[in-house]
C-alpha cells in the first residue's frame, strides 16, 4: 500500500520520550541539524565537531546545501526540456534528498526511488517501514513505499510490481509536467523500463542530468568536503600509527575504517591497500600479509566520509625508519599536473600538456589523470594520452568543480609501486588544495 504524506511524518505516540503537552525548544548544531541525542538522521560526532573547531573549519549549513542541490537538478531538467527525473542510484537519491538508508545494500537492491519534477516537487519511495528516516526533510513533499521490483524481492511478480510503480510515476509526471512526457532516469530494472515505455513515457538519460548537476559544488558543499577531508586525514594519522612491523595490511586498513566511523563517516568503497611486493601491480586489496621493516605501504582511501562526502587521496609510506630505494623515489607527477588547473582549461589540454610518466611505467599507468569528486568519484574523467582516443571526451574546468589528481608509478615487473593522489577545488583564478596530509619525507629528497 502506498503511503501518501503531504507533510513530514510525525513520530508514533509510543515513540515519544518528551511530554507532548510541552512545546519543544529546538537547539541546533553548527550544521543546522537538531541537537537531539536521539535524532534519527546520521551525521558528525562530537569528536568531529571538536576537531573541526580546533582547525577553524566552518561546517556546512545543511538546509541551505539541500536547497542548492535541488535547484541544480531543476536547472538541469529545465535546460534539457525534461519534465522530471526518476532516481534509483542511492548516491543520486542522497544528492536530491540528503536522505540515507542502507546505502551499500540499496546499491545492489534497488528498493528506494525518488521522483523530482522540473518544478522541484519531490517524491521519495523509501524501504517499507522507513518513513521516519526522512521526517526532518521538508523538501520531500511525499513519502511512499513500493519501489522494489527486483528479482530477490518480487521474483515472478516483478512485471506486476514494476507496472504498479510506473503508473504512479506516470501520474506524477502528468500532474507536475503537463504534456511533457520526457522523463530522465538514472538507472532502472528492465521491467521498469519496459513499463514506462509502454505508458508512452519518453525515457531519457538521467546520468547526464545528475553528473552535470553534481559537478559544481556550492559553498556549503565545499565546507562539507573540507570537514570530511579533515576527518579523513585524522583517521589516516591513526592508520600511520597502526603501521608497524608485524602488523597485517588489514590491521592498518582497519584503523582507517574505525577512524572514519568514529567521526560520523559512512563507508569505504574499496579496500585498496597493499605492502611490499603486493604494491606492484596496483589494485591489490588489503589482506593478511604481514608488514616488515623497509616495506613500502601504498593505499587509496576511496572513503565516503561525513555528510556523505567522498575523500579520495592516496599516500605511500615506508615501514620503519628506513630510506626508500632508488626505484621507490617518486616523480613530481601530480604536483606538476596540479599546476595546470584553472578555470577554462579544456580536458584535452590537461591530457596533452600533463607530466609524462617514465616510459617504463606507462603500461601500468593509472586509469585517469584527474577525476571529479563529490559524493563519490564523479564527472569528469580525464585520461592519459595513451587513452585519449579510446576513452577521452571534451569539456572545461569551471569554478566550483572538485577534482582528484593522481598517479600510480610502478614499472612492469618492478618490486614495488607508489600511489599518490590529492584533492583540490577549482577556484575563480586557479585552485585550492584540499588535502594536506604530508607525503613521506624521504620520498621528497633527491
Protein backbone atom coordinates (compact mmCIF):
# COMPACT_ATOMS: atom_id res chain seq x y z
CA UNK A 1 0.00 0.00 0.00
CA UNK A 2 1.23 3.48 -0.84
CA UNK A 3 1.56 5.93 2.00
CA UNK A 4 1.00 9.49 0.81
CA UNK A 5 2.14 12.19 3.18
CA UNK A 6 1.97 15.87 2.32
CA UNK A 7 3.86 16.91 5.44
CA UNK A 8 6.79 15.38 7.31
CA UNK A 9 5.97 12.22 9.27
CA UNK A 10 5.07 12.54 12.90
CA UNK A 11 6.66 10.20 15.41
CA UNK A 12 4.24 7.49 16.63
CA UNK A 13 2.97 8.24 20.15
CA UNK A 14 4.64 5.17 21.64
CA UNK A 15 8.00 6.51 20.43
CA UNK A 16 7.71 9.88 22.17
CA UNK A 17 10.15 10.46 25.01
CA UNK A 18 9.13 14.06 25.67
CA UNK A 19 5.88 15.24 27.21
CA UNK A 20 3.74 16.04 24.11
CA UNK A 21 1.96 18.84 26.02
CA UNK A 22 5.20 20.80 26.29
CA UNK A 23 6.34 22.91 23.37
CA UNK A 24 9.82 21.65 22.46
CA UNK A 25 12.77 24.01 22.41
CA UNK A 26 14.84 23.10 19.36
CA UNK A 27 18.58 23.64 19.67
CA UNK A 28 20.65 23.30 16.53
CA UNK A 29 24.16 22.07 15.90
CA UNK A 30 26.61 24.19 13.89
CA UNK A 31 25.50 22.45 10.66
CA UNK A 32 21.82 23.29 11.17
CA UNK A 33 20.74 19.83 12.32
CA UNK A 34 18.79 19.34 15.53
CA UNK A 35 20.94 18.93 18.62
CA UNK A 36 18.99 15.86 19.69
CA UNK A 37 20.91 12.91 21.08
CA UNK A 38 18.12 10.59 19.91
CA UNK A 39 17.72 12.02 16.41
CA UNK A 40 17.15 9.65 13.50
CA UNK A 41 19.44 11.23 10.92
CA UNK A 42 23.12 10.31 10.85
CA UNK A 43 25.88 12.88 10.99
CA UNK A 44 29.15 14.03 12.55
CA UNK A 45 30.02 13.03 16.09
CA UNK A 46 31.19 15.36 18.90
CA UNK A 47 34.76 14.25 18.12
CA UNK A 48 34.43 15.54 14.55
CA UNK A 49 32.91 18.88 15.58
CA UNK A 50 35.66 19.37 18.18
CA UNK A 51 38.42 18.63 15.65
CA UNK A 52 36.90 20.99 13.09
CA UNK A 53 36.60 23.77 15.66
CA UNK A 54 40.26 23.30 16.56
CA UNK A 55 41.18 23.59 12.87
CA UNK A 56 38.97 26.65 12.38
CA UNK A 57 36.68 24.86 9.91
CA UNK A 58 33.10 26.00 9.42
CA UNK A 59 30.58 23.15 8.96
CA UNK A 60 28.03 23.38 6.16
CA UNK A 61 24.53 24.69 6.78
CA UNK A 62 22.58 21.62 5.71
CA UNK A 63 19.22 23.24 4.85
CA UNK A 64 21.00 25.67 2.51
CA UNK A 65 23.07 22.88 0.96
CA UNK A 66 19.94 20.81 0.30
CA UNK A 67 18.15 23.72 -1.40
CA UNK A 68 21.21 24.38 -3.58
CA UNK A 69 21.30 20.77 -4.75
CA UNK A 70 17.60 20.67 -5.60
CA UNK A 71 17.97 23.84 -7.65
CA UNK A 72 20.94 22.33 -9.52
CA UNK A 73 18.79 19.35 -10.51
CA UNK A 74 15.84 21.52 -11.55
CA UNK A 75 18.06 23.80 -13.62
CA UNK A 76 19.43 20.78 -15.49
CA UNK A 77 15.93 19.42 -16.11
CA UNK A 78 14.62 22.74 -17.40
CA UNK A 79 17.68 23.40 -19.54
CA UNK A 80 17.21 20.00 -21.21
CA UNK A 81 13.44 20.26 -21.65
CA UNK A 82 12.70 17.37 -19.30
CA UNK A 83 9.56 17.01 -17.23
CA UNK A 84 11.31 15.31 -14.35
CA UNK A 85 13.83 12.71 -13.28
CA UNK A 86 13.47 9.29 -11.67
CA UNK A 87 16.38 8.22 -9.48
CA UNK A 88 17.35 4.77 -8.22
CA UNK A 89 21.08 5.25 -7.65
CA UNK A 90 21.49 5.71 -3.86
CA UNK A 91 24.04 8.48 -4.35
CA UNK A 92 21.75 10.43 -6.69
CA UNK A 93 18.93 9.98 -4.16
CA UNK A 94 21.31 11.27 -1.48
CA UNK A 95 22.13 14.30 -3.62
CA UNK A 96 18.46 15.10 -4.29
CA UNK A 97 17.10 14.44 -0.81
CA UNK A 98 20.10 14.24 1.56
CA UNK A 99 18.48 11.10 2.96
CA UNK A 100 20.29 7.85 3.62
CA UNK A 101 19.02 4.34 4.15
CA UNK A 102 21.25 1.27 3.92
CA UNK A 103 23.35 2.94 1.22
CA UNK A 104 25.53 -0.05 0.32
CA UNK A 105 22.66 -2.55 0.47
CA UNK A 106 20.42 -0.46 -1.78
CA UNK A 107 23.26 -0.14 -4.30
CA UNK A 108 22.59 -3.74 -5.33
CA UNK A 109 19.00 -4.00 -4.06
CA UNK A 110 17.19 -1.02 -5.66
CA UNK A 111 14.45 -0.66 -3.05
CA UNK A 112 14.35 3.16 -2.97
CA UNK A 113 13.44 5.65 -5.67
CA UNK A 114 12.96 9.39 -5.99
CA UNK A 115 11.00 11.50 -8.47
CA UNK A 116 11.92 15.14 -8.93
CA UNK A 117 9.78 17.29 -11.21
CA UNK A 118 11.34 20.16 -13.13
CA UNK A 119 9.30 22.41 -10.83
CA UNK A 120 11.07 20.96 -7.77
CA UNK A 121 8.24 18.75 -6.49
CA UNK A 122 9.91 15.74 -4.88
CA UNK A 123 8.55 12.29 -4.01
CA UNK A 124 10.58 9.62 -2.23
CA UNK A 125 9.76 5.92 -2.20
CA UNK A 126 11.61 4.51 0.77
CA UNK A 127 12.05 0.97 2.03
CA UNK A 128 8.91 -0.18 3.80
CA UNK A 129 8.58 0.96 7.39
CA UNK A 130 11.24 3.67 6.98
CA UNK A 131 9.15 6.83 6.69
CA UNK A 132 10.60 8.16 9.94
CA UNK A 133 14.10 8.36 8.42
CA UNK A 134 13.22 11.40 6.31
CA UNK A 135 10.71 13.20 8.56
CA UNK A 136 13.22 16.04 9.07
CA UNK A 137 13.49 16.87 5.34
CA UNK A 138 10.80 19.36 4.24
CA UNK A 139 11.91 19.42 0.59
CA UNK A 140 10.45 15.91 0.23
CA UNK A 141 6.76 16.59 -0.40
CA UNK A 142 5.52 12.99 -0.38
CA UNK A 143 6.77 9.79 1.19
CA UNK A 144 5.73 6.48 -0.31
CA UNK A 145 6.86 2.87 -0.42
CA UNK A 146 6.71 0.19 -3.09
CA UNK A 147 9.64 0.89 -5.43
CA UNK A 148 11.03 -2.66 -5.19
CA UNK A 149 10.75 -4.71 -8.35
CA UNK A 150 13.98 -6.68 -8.49
CA UNK A 151 14.01 -10.46 -8.55
CA UNK A 152 15.04 -11.11 -4.96
CA UNK A 153 12.01 -9.13 -3.76
CA UNK A 154 9.42 -9.86 -6.42
CA UNK A 155 10.54 -12.99 -8.35
CA UNK A 156 7.93 -13.94 -10.99
CA UNK A 157 5.77 -10.98 -9.95
CA UNK A 158 8.42 -8.45 -11.00
CA UNK A 159 6.50 -7.13 -14.02
CA UNK A 160 3.37 -6.69 -11.89
CA UNK A 161 5.20 -4.60 -9.28
CA UNK A 162 7.10 -2.63 -11.91
CA UNK A 163 3.86 -1.71 -13.68
CA UNK A 164 2.23 -0.65 -10.43
CA UNK A 165 5.17 1.59 -9.57
CA UNK A 166 5.47 3.10 -13.04
CA UNK A 167 1.78 4.00 -13.07
CA UNK A 168 2.48 6.17 -10.04
CA UNK A 169 5.43 7.80 -11.75
CA UNK A 170 3.34 8.47 -14.85
CA UNK A 171 0.61 10.16 -12.80
CA UNK A 172 3.20 12.34 -11.09
CA UNK A 173 4.70 13.28 -14.45
CA UNK A 174 1.27 14.20 -15.85
CA UNK A 175 0.39 16.24 -12.75
CA UNK A 176 3.65 18.17 -12.45
CA UNK A 177 4.89 18.33 -16.06
CA UNK A 178 1.63 18.54 -18.02
CA UNK A 179 2.15 17.40 -21.59
CA UNK A 180 5.88 16.93 -21.18
CA UNK A 181 6.37 13.17 -21.39
CA UNK A 182 10.17 13.32 -21.28
CA UNK A 183 11.45 11.65 -18.11
CA UNK A 184 15.14 11.27 -17.25
CA UNK A 185 16.05 8.01 -15.49
CA UNK A 186 19.47 7.33 -13.99
CA UNK A 187 19.12 3.52 -13.82
CA UNK A 188 16.24 1.09 -13.66
CA UNK A 189 15.44 -2.62 -13.81
CA UNK A 190 14.48 -3.90 -17.27
CA UNK A 191 10.87 -4.47 -16.21
CA UNK A 192 10.59 -0.86 -15.11
CA UNK A 193 11.98 0.49 -18.37
CA UNK A 194 9.53 -1.57 -20.37
CA UNK A 195 6.62 -0.46 -18.19
CA UNK A 196 7.46 3.23 -18.58
CA UNK A 197 7.80 2.95 -22.34
CA UNK A 198 4.50 1.03 -22.54
CA UNK A 199 2.84 4.01 -20.85
CA UNK A 200 4.17 6.35 -23.54
CA UNK A 201 6.85 7.92 -21.38
CA UNK A 202 9.95 9.02 -23.29
CA UNK A 203 12.81 7.71 -21.16
CA UNK A 204 15.92 9.93 -21.37
CA UNK A 205 19.42 9.63 -19.94
CA UNK A 206 19.39 10.63 -16.29
CA UNK A 207 23.08 10.20 -15.62
CA UNK A 208 23.84 13.22 -17.80
CA UNK A 209 21.46 15.27 -15.64
CA UNK A 210 22.85 14.15 -12.29
CA UNK A 211 26.53 14.23 -13.21
CA UNK A 212 26.29 17.78 -14.55
CA UNK A 213 24.17 18.89 -11.59
CA UNK A 214 26.70 17.44 -9.16
CA UNK A 215 29.84 18.71 -10.90
CA UNK A 216 29.62 22.25 -9.44
CA UNK A 217 29.77 22.40 -5.65
CA UNK A 218 28.08 25.16 -3.72
CA UNK A 219 29.64 26.97 -0.74
CA UNK A 220 28.12 24.60 1.81
CA UNK A 221 29.15 21.52 -0.14
CA UNK A 222 32.71 22.85 -0.16
CA UNK A 223 32.54 23.35 3.60
CA UNK A 224 31.27 19.78 3.94
CA UNK A 225 34.16 18.49 1.82
CA UNK A 226 36.72 20.40 3.90
CA UNK A 227 35.26 18.86 7.05
CA UNK A 228 35.23 15.39 5.51
CA UNK A 229 38.86 15.77 4.44
CA UNK A 230 39.89 16.87 7.93
CA UNK A 231 38.20 13.84 9.49
CA UNK A 232 39.71 11.50 6.92
CA UNK A 233 43.20 12.90 7.49
CA UNK A 234 42.80 12.41 11.24
CA UNK A 235 41.94 8.77 10.53
CA UNK A 236 44.95 8.50 8.20
CA UNK A 237 47.11 9.67 11.08
CA UNK A 238 45.72 6.80 13.14
CA UNK A 239 46.50 4.46 10.24
CA UNK A 240 50.08 5.69 10.26
CA UNK A 241 50.36 4.83 13.95
CA UNK A 242 48.96 1.35 13.28
CA UNK A 243 51.58 0.65 10.60
CA UNK A 244 54.46 -1.28 12.15
CA UNK A 245 56.49 -4.38 11.51
CA UNK A 246 54.40 -7.39 12.47
CA UNK A 247 51.04 -5.76 11.70
CA UNK A 248 48.99 -7.07 8.81
CA UNK A 249 47.70 -4.96 5.95
CA UNK A 250 44.21 -5.49 7.37
CA UNK A 251 45.34 -4.12 10.75
CA UNK A 252 46.37 -0.87 9.09
CA UNK A 253 43.27 -0.61 6.92
CA UNK A 254 41.02 -1.26 9.92
CA UNK A 255 42.34 1.91 11.55
CA UNK A 256 41.04 3.97 8.62
CA UNK A 257 37.60 2.34 8.87
CA UNK A 258 37.47 2.87 12.62
CA UNK A 259 38.58 6.49 12.42
CA UNK A 260 36.03 7.25 9.71
CA UNK A 261 33.14 5.71 11.64
CA UNK A 262 34.16 7.31 14.95
CA UNK A 263 33.82 10.74 13.37
CA UNK A 264 30.49 10.10 11.64
CA UNK A 265 31.77 8.95 8.26
CA UNK A 266 29.83 6.34 6.33
CA UNK A 267 31.73 3.68 4.41
CA UNK A 268 34.74 2.96 2.17
CA UNK A 269 34.14 1.97 -1.44
CA UNK A 270 37.24 -0.18 -1.92
CA UNK A 271 39.97 -1.68 0.26
CA UNK A 272 43.00 -0.82 -1.84
CA UNK A 273 46.00 -1.02 0.45
CA UNK A 274 49.00 -3.21 -0.25
CA UNK A 275 52.54 -3.63 1.01
CA UNK A 276 55.92 -4.80 -0.22
CA UNK A 277 55.77 -6.76 -3.48
CA UNK A 278 51.95 -6.58 -3.45
CA UNK A 279 52.18 -2.87 -4.39
CA UNK A 280 53.10 -3.90 -7.95
CA UNK A 281 50.93 -4.29 -9.95
CA UNK A 282 48.33 -1.94 -8.48
CA UNK A 283 44.71 -2.58 -7.43
CA UNK A 284 45.54 -5.37 -4.98
CA UNK A 285 43.23 -5.13 -1.97
CA UNK A 286 44.46 -5.45 1.59
CA UNK A 287 44.78 -8.88 3.11
CA UNK A 288 46.60 -10.89 5.77
CA UNK A 289 50.15 -10.11 4.57
CA UNK A 290 52.45 -9.26 7.50
CA UNK A 291 54.33 -5.98 7.01
CA UNK A 292 58.12 -5.90 7.56
CA UNK A 293 60.56 -3.06 8.20
CA UNK A 294 61.52 -1.45 4.91
CA UNK A 295 58.29 -2.43 3.16
CA UNK A 296 56.50 0.11 1.03
CA UNK A 297 52.84 0.54 2.00
CA UNK A 298 50.59 2.25 -0.56
CA UNK A 299 46.87 2.97 -0.32
CA UNK A 300 43.91 4.84 -1.79
CA UNK A 301 41.25 5.99 0.69
CA UNK A 302 38.15 5.89 -1.60
CA UNK A 303 36.34 6.95 1.55
CA UNK A 304 32.78 8.19 1.97
CA UNK A 305 33.08 10.41 4.99
CA UNK A 306 30.93 12.81 6.97
CA UNK A 307 27.91 14.29 5.16
CA UNK A 308 28.36 11.52 2.57
CA UNK A 309 31.30 13.37 1.00
CA UNK A 310 33.99 11.38 -0.74
CA UNK A 311 37.61 11.88 0.27
CA UNK A 312 39.80 10.33 -2.38
CA UNK A 313 43.50 10.64 -1.62
CA UNK A 314 46.48 8.30 -1.81
CA UNK A 315 49.75 8.05 0.04
CA UNK A 316 52.74 5.71 0.11
CA UNK A 317 54.80 5.10 3.24
CA UNK A 318 57.93 3.22 4.27
CA UNK A 319 57.53 0.98 7.30
CA UNK A 320 60.28 1.74 9.82
CA UNK A 321 62.92 4.42 9.94
CA UNK A 322 64.49 3.47 6.61
CA UNK A 323 65.31 5.18 3.34
CA UNK A 324 63.49 4.20 0.13
CA UNK A 325 65.47 2.51 -2.59
CA UNK A 326 66.23 4.33 -5.83
CA UNK A 327 63.28 2.73 -7.60
CA UNK A 328 60.97 3.89 -4.82
CA UNK A 329 61.75 7.59 -5.39
CA UNK A 330 58.53 9.25 -6.57
CA UNK A 331 58.22 11.50 -9.58
CA UNK A 332 56.88 15.06 -9.45
CA UNK A 333 53.88 13.85 -11.39
CA UNK A 334 50.80 15.02 -9.56
CA UNK A 335 52.33 18.28 -8.32
CA UNK A 336 53.17 19.25 -11.90
CA UNK A 337 49.69 18.35 -13.14
CA UNK A 338 48.00 20.30 -10.33
CA UNK A 339 49.65 23.50 -11.53
CA UNK A 340 47.72 23.27 -14.81
CA UNK A 341 44.37 23.56 -13.03
CA UNK A 342 42.42 26.78 -13.56
CA UNK A 343 39.02 27.76 -14.99
CA UNK A 344 38.64 27.45 -18.75
CA UNK A 345 41.27 24.75 -19.24
CA UNK A 346 39.98 22.05 -21.59
CA UNK A 347 40.08 18.42 -20.55
CA UNK A 348 42.19 17.52 -23.56
CA UNK A 349 44.67 20.28 -22.67
CA UNK A 350 45.25 18.59 -19.33
CA UNK A 351 45.80 15.31 -21.12
CA UNK A 352 48.20 16.66 -23.73
CA UNK A 353 50.14 19.07 -21.50
CA UNK A 354 50.40 16.95 -18.39
CA UNK A 355 53.54 15.44 -16.91
CA UNK A 356 54.51 12.24 -18.68
CA UNK A 357 55.24 9.11 -16.70
CA UNK A 358 58.56 7.37 -17.34
CA UNK A 359 58.11 5.15 -20.38
CA UNK A 360 58.78 2.04 -18.31
CA UNK A 361 55.80 2.91 -16.07
CA UNK A 362 53.26 3.79 -18.76
CA UNK A 363 51.93 0.26 -19.35
CA UNK A 364 50.82 0.21 -15.67
CA UNK A 365 49.54 3.80 -15.62
CA UNK A 366 46.52 4.62 -13.53
CA UNK A 367 43.11 4.75 -15.23
CA UNK A 368 42.87 8.56 -15.12
CA UNK A 369 44.98 11.67 -14.57
CA UNK A 370 42.10 13.60 -12.97
CA UNK A 371 38.53 12.85 -11.98
CA UNK A 372 35.71 14.72 -10.29
CA UNK A 373 34.85 14.11 -6.63
CA UNK A 374 31.70 14.79 -4.64
CA UNK A 375 29.52 12.10 -3.11
CA UNK A 376 31.79 9.62 -4.90
CA UNK A 377 34.09 9.64 -7.92
CA UNK A 378 32.16 11.82 -10.38
CA UNK A 379 32.31 13.52 -13.79
CA UNK A 380 34.70 14.30 -15.38
CA UNK A 381 37.17 11.50 -16.06
CA UNK A 382 40.31 12.93 -17.69
CA UNK A 383 42.58 10.36 -19.31
CA UNK A 384 46.24 9.84 -20.05
CA UNK A 385 47.41 10.49 -23.62
CA UNK A 386 47.52 6.76 -24.35
CA UNK A 387 43.78 6.52 -23.64
CA UNK A 388 42.53 9.78 -25.15
CA UNK A 389 41.40 8.35 -28.48
CA UNK A 390 39.55 5.41 -26.94
CA UNK A 391 38.01 6.98 -23.83
CA UNK A 392 38.61 10.74 -23.84
CA UNK A 393 35.91 13.40 -24.10
CA UNK A 394 35.90 17.18 -24.09
CA UNK A 395 34.85 19.73 -21.52
CA UNK A 396 36.41 22.50 -19.50
CA UNK A 397 37.20 23.23 -15.88
CA UNK A 398 34.82 25.56 -14.04
CA UNK A 399 34.96 27.22 -10.62
CA UNK A 400 33.31 25.01 -8.04
CA UNK A 401 34.50 21.73 -9.51
CA UNK A 402 36.35 19.41 -7.13
CA UNK A 403 38.99 17.12 -8.64
CA UNK A 404 41.39 14.43 -7.60
CA UNK A 405 44.72 14.31 -9.38
CA UNK A 406 46.53 11.02 -9.10
CA UNK A 407 49.14 8.65 -10.40
CA UNK A 408 50.46 5.17 -9.89
CA UNK A 409 54.18 4.84 -10.58
CA UNK A 410 55.41 1.28 -10.93
CA UNK A 411 57.47 -0.44 -13.58
CA UNK A 412 56.26 -3.62 -15.21
CA UNK A 413 57.92 -6.40 -13.25
CA UNK A 414 59.18 -3.93 -10.64
CA UNK A 415 59.49 -4.74 -6.96
CA UNK A 416 57.03 -2.10 -5.78
CA UNK A 417 54.81 0.79 -6.84
CA UNK A 418 53.86 4.19 -5.43
CA UNK A 419 50.34 5.63 -5.39
CA UNK A 420 49.90 9.38 -4.82
CA UNK A 421 46.73 11.47 -5.03
CA UNK A 422 45.49 14.86 -3.85
CA UNK A 423 42.08 16.51 -3.92
CA UNK A 424 41.57 20.13 -4.97
CA UNK A 425 38.95 22.77 -5.66
CA UNK A 426 38.86 24.77 -8.89
CA UNK A 427 38.60 28.43 -7.87
CA UNK A 428 37.95 31.58 -9.87
CA UNK A 429 41.66 32.05 -10.57
CA UNK A 430 43.27 28.64 -10.12
CA UNK A 431 42.91 26.01 -7.45
CA UNK A 432 42.82 25.40 -3.72
CA UNK A 433 44.47 22.26 -2.38
CA UNK A 434 42.00 20.47 -0.10
CA UNK A 435 44.11 17.55 1.12
CA UNK A 436 47.08 18.37 3.31
CA UNK A 437 48.33 15.12 4.82
CA UNK A 438 52.07 15.21 4.11
CA UNK A 439 53.88 12.96 1.68
CA UNK A 440 56.56 10.68 3.08
CA UNK A 441 59.52 13.00 3.71
CA UNK A 442 62.09 10.53 2.43
CA UNK A 443 60.29 10.41 -0.94
CA UNK A 444 60.81 14.14 -1.39
CA UNK A 445 64.60 14.07 -1.00
CA UNK A 446 66.77 13.65 -4.09
